[in-house]
Amino acid sequence: MNNRKRWLVLVLVVGVAGVVALWPRDRSPEPPPTSTRPSQDVVALRQQAQLRPCVPGGEGGVDVTCLGDGTRTALALKGPLLINFWATWCQPCQEELPVLETYAKQPGAVPVVPVLVDSREADGLELLARLGVRLPSVYDSSDELRKRVKAPITLPATYYVAADGLVRRITDPPVFTAPEQVEKAVR
C-alpha cells in the first residue's frame, strides 16, 4: 500500500470516528431522586414538627396533604386566608416562615397556610421543626394549588384570598421580614 492510500484510510477512519463521537445518542431520562429517608421516619418527623391541625377543606378545594397528620384534604380558596408557597431549598422562604408564624399568633390575624412545593415532604417537616413553625401546613405534591392560583415558579409566593374569594398575589414586600408587613398586606 502506498503512502497516498494509507493517508486516505487514515482520514476515513478519523472521519468515521468523528461522526460516531458526535452522533446524537438516545439519553434515557434520569430516574427521579429517591429519598434516603425511610417512610416510617415521616411519622417521627410529624411528631417532632408538632404542626397545628389543618382546617378541613370544602367544596371546590384543591386536594393536598396535611403535613401535620398526612391525611388528604381539600384546601378551599375561601377567605380570608393567606397562602404562602415555599420550598426547603428557598433561603428567603426559611426567613419568612417564622415571620408568618409570629403574625398568625396575633389576635385577629388572618389564617396562614404554608404550602410546601418542589421539595420532599420529610424535608419540609424537618425544616418546619427546626424553624419552630407550627402553622397548619400542607404539601402540594401535584402542584395543583399553585396552578390554580397561577403562582410563579419563583419562591416564596404569597397570596391573599379575600372573603369574596378574590385571590391576589402580594408583591409588596416580595418577602415578609416583619409581622407588621403581613398585617398591612392583608388589609
Protein backbone atom coordinates (compact mmCIF):
# COMPACT_ATOMS: atom_id res chain seq x y z
CA MET A 1 0.00 0.00 0.00
CA ASN A 2 1.47 3.33 -0.97
CA ASN A 3 1.50 6.48 1.17
CA ARG A 4 -1.44 8.02 -0.61
CA LYS A 5 -3.71 5.05 0.21
CA ARG A 6 -2.51 4.97 3.82
CA TRP A 7 -3.43 8.66 4.25
CA LEU A 8 -6.80 8.07 2.64
CA VAL A 9 -7.54 5.15 5.00
CA LEU A 10 -6.36 7.22 7.99
CA VAL A 11 -8.59 10.17 7.01
CA LEU A 12 -11.58 7.84 6.56
CA VAL A 13 -11.01 6.17 9.94
CA VAL A 14 -10.67 9.54 11.69
CA GLY A 15 -13.78 10.83 9.87
CA VAL A 16 -15.88 7.82 10.88
CA ALA A 17 -14.65 8.12 14.48
CA GLY A 18 -15.63 11.80 14.48
CA VAL A 19 -19.12 11.06 13.17
CA VAL A 20 -19.62 8.33 15.79
CA ALA A 21 -18.40 10.64 18.56
CA LEU A 22 -20.74 13.46 17.52
CA TRP A 23 -23.76 11.33 16.65
CA PRO A 24 -26.69 12.14 18.99
CA ARG A 25 -27.49 9.39 21.42
CA ASP A 26 -30.81 8.48 22.93
CA ARG A 27 -30.44 9.59 26.52
CA SER A 28 -32.72 7.84 28.92
CA PRO A 29 -34.26 10.21 31.42
CA GLU A 30 -32.56 10.05 34.76
CA PRO A 31 -34.67 8.45 37.45
CA PRO A 32 -36.23 10.88 39.91
CA PRO A 33 -34.25 11.33 43.09
CA THR A 34 -35.26 8.93 45.80
CA SER A 35 -35.35 9.77 49.42
CA THR A 36 -32.81 8.07 51.61
CA ARG A 37 -35.18 8.58 54.49
CA PRO A 38 -37.40 5.57 55.32
CA SER A 39 -41.15 6.25 55.23
CA GLN A 40 -41.57 5.48 58.93
CA ASP A 41 -39.26 8.43 59.54
CA VAL A 42 -42.01 10.75 58.25
CA VAL A 43 -44.19 9.71 61.19
CA ALA A 44 -41.43 10.65 63.62
CA LEU A 45 -40.86 13.94 61.79
CA ARG A 46 -44.59 14.75 62.04
CA GLN A 47 -44.41 14.22 65.80
CA GLN A 48 -41.28 16.34 66.03
CA ALA A 49 -42.78 19.18 63.94
CA GLN A 50 -45.90 19.40 66.16
CA LEU A 51 -47.87 21.26 63.50
CA ARG A 52 -51.33 22.57 64.33
CA PRO A 53 -54.12 20.58 62.63
CA CYS A 54 -55.22 21.52 59.15
CA VAL A 55 -58.66 23.04 58.79
CA PRO A 56 -60.96 20.61 56.97
CA GLY A 57 -61.42 21.62 53.36
CA GLY A 58 -64.52 22.49 51.47
CA GLU A 59 -66.18 22.03 48.13
CA GLY A 60 -64.16 23.05 45.13
CA GLY A 61 -60.95 22.75 47.07
CA VAL A 62 -57.61 21.53 45.81
CA ASP A 63 -56.51 18.10 47.02
CA VAL A 64 -53.39 18.47 49.21
CA THR A 65 -51.69 16.55 52.02
CA CYS A 66 -51.88 17.92 55.55
CA LEU A 67 -48.26 17.91 56.75
CA GLY A 68 -49.36 17.60 60.39
CA ASP A 69 -51.02 14.21 60.08
CA GLY A 70 -50.53 13.05 56.47
CA THR A 71 -54.24 13.00 55.61
CA ARG A 72 -55.53 14.18 52.25
CA THR A 73 -57.72 17.24 52.43
CA ALA A 74 -59.28 19.74 50.08
CA LEU A 75 -57.93 23.25 50.59
CA ALA A 76 -60.71 25.61 49.57
CA LEU A 77 -59.87 29.06 48.30
CA LYS A 78 -62.26 30.73 50.72
CA GLY A 79 -61.10 33.71 52.67
CA PRO A 80 -59.96 35.49 54.42
CA LEU A 81 -56.86 33.34 54.07
CA LEU A 82 -53.15 33.87 53.44
CA ILE A 83 -51.46 31.17 51.33
CA ASN A 84 -47.66 31.04 51.23
CA PHE A 85 -45.86 28.79 48.72
CA TRP A 86 -42.42 27.74 49.91
CA ALA A 87 -39.71 25.11 49.41
CA THR A 88 -36.96 23.76 51.64
CA TRP A 89 -34.17 24.95 49.32
CA CYS A 90 -35.51 28.54 49.26
CA GLN A 91 -33.49 30.70 51.67
CA PRO A 92 -35.94 33.65 51.67
CA CYS A 93 -38.71 31.15 52.48
CA GLN A 94 -36.76 29.97 55.52
CA GLU A 95 -36.53 33.55 56.73
CA GLU A 96 -40.18 34.32 56.00
CA LEU A 97 -41.83 31.29 57.63
CA PRO A 98 -41.04 32.36 61.24
CA VAL A 99 -42.41 35.84 60.44
CA LEU A 100 -45.66 34.28 59.24
CA GLU A 101 -45.77 32.15 62.41
CA THR A 102 -45.39 35.26 64.59
CA TYR A 103 -48.07 37.13 62.62
CA ALA A 104 -50.51 34.20 62.86
CA LYS A 105 -50.27 34.21 66.67
CA GLN A 106 -51.60 37.79 66.87
CA PRO A 107 -55.24 38.30 67.82
CA GLY A 108 -57.43 38.81 64.75
CA ALA A 109 -54.77 37.52 62.34
CA VAL A 110 -55.89 36.12 59.02
CA PRO A 111 -55.33 32.33 58.94
CA VAL A 112 -52.00 31.46 57.30
CA VAL A 113 -51.45 28.24 55.33
CA PRO A 114 -47.90 27.49 54.22
CA VAL A 115 -47.89 25.27 51.11
CA LEU A 116 -44.80 23.12 50.56
CA VAL A 117 -43.86 22.70 46.88
CA ASP A 118 -40.79 21.50 44.97
CA SER A 119 -39.47 19.60 48.00
CA ARG A 120 -39.85 16.28 49.74
CA GLU A 121 -42.48 16.05 52.45
CA ALA A 122 -39.97 14.73 55.02
CA ASP A 123 -37.55 17.58 54.29
CA GLY A 124 -40.35 20.11 54.75
CA LEU A 125 -41.35 18.62 58.10
CA GLU A 126 -37.74 18.64 59.24
CA LEU A 127 -37.31 22.31 58.30
CA LEU A 128 -40.56 23.41 59.97
CA ALA A 129 -39.49 21.62 63.17
CA ARG A 130 -36.06 23.25 63.07
CA LEU A 131 -37.58 26.72 62.50
CA GLY A 132 -40.20 26.23 65.22
CA VAL A 133 -43.02 26.95 62.76
CA ARG A 134 -46.20 25.17 63.89
CA LEU A 135 -48.68 26.60 61.38
CA PRO A 136 -51.17 24.16 59.85
CA SER A 137 -49.26 23.38 56.66
CA VAL A 138 -49.98 21.42 53.52
CA TYR A 139 -47.96 19.65 50.85
CA ASP A 140 -48.97 20.23 47.22
CA SER A 141 -47.10 17.34 45.59
CA SER A 142 -49.04 17.64 42.32
CA ASP A 143 -48.61 21.44 42.14
CA GLU A 144 -52.38 21.78 41.58
CA LEU A 145 -52.87 24.61 44.07
CA ARG A 146 -50.02 26.61 42.58
CA LYS A 147 -51.53 26.09 39.11
CA ARG A 148 -54.99 27.10 40.34
CA VAL A 149 -53.77 30.49 41.60
CA LYS A 150 -51.34 30.83 38.68
CA ALA A 151 -48.39 31.20 41.05
CA PRO A 152 -44.96 31.69 39.51
CA ILE A 153 -42.17 29.19 39.97
CA THR A 154 -40.18 31.77 41.93
CA LEU A 155 -40.47 31.40 45.69
CA PRO A 156 -41.68 32.46 48.10
CA ALA A 157 -45.03 33.46 46.62
CA THR A 158 -47.80 34.68 48.90
CA TYR A 159 -51.48 35.11 48.07
CA TYR A 160 -54.34 36.71 49.95
CA VAL A 161 -57.76 35.16 49.48
CA ALA A 162 -60.48 37.70 50.32
CA ALA A 163 -63.84 36.79 51.87
CA ASP A 164 -65.45 37.07 48.42
CA GLY A 165 -62.99 34.51 47.00
CA LEU A 166 -60.88 37.02 45.08
CA VAL A 167 -57.25 35.86 45.06
CA ARG A 168 -54.44 38.40 44.78
CA ARG A 169 -50.70 37.99 44.90
CA ILE A 170 -48.81 40.01 47.47
CA THR A 171 -45.72 41.54 45.90
CA ASP A 172 -45.04 44.41 48.27
CA PRO A 173 -42.99 43.28 50.01
CA PRO A 174 -41.82 40.28 48.00
CA VAL A 175 -40.63 38.60 51.23
CA PHE A 176 -42.06 39.38 54.66
CA THR A 177 -39.43 40.35 57.22
CA ALA A 178 -41.78 41.59 59.97
CA PRO A 179 -45.29 40.65 61.17
CA GLU A 180 -46.40 44.26 60.62
CA GLN A 181 -45.77 43.85 56.89
CA VAL A 182 -48.07 40.82 56.82
CA GLU A 183 -50.76 42.71 58.71
CA LYS A 184 -50.55 45.62 56.27
CA ALA A 185 -50.68 43.30 53.23
CA VAL A 186 -53.91 41.60 54.31
CA ARG A 187 -55.89 44.77 55.00
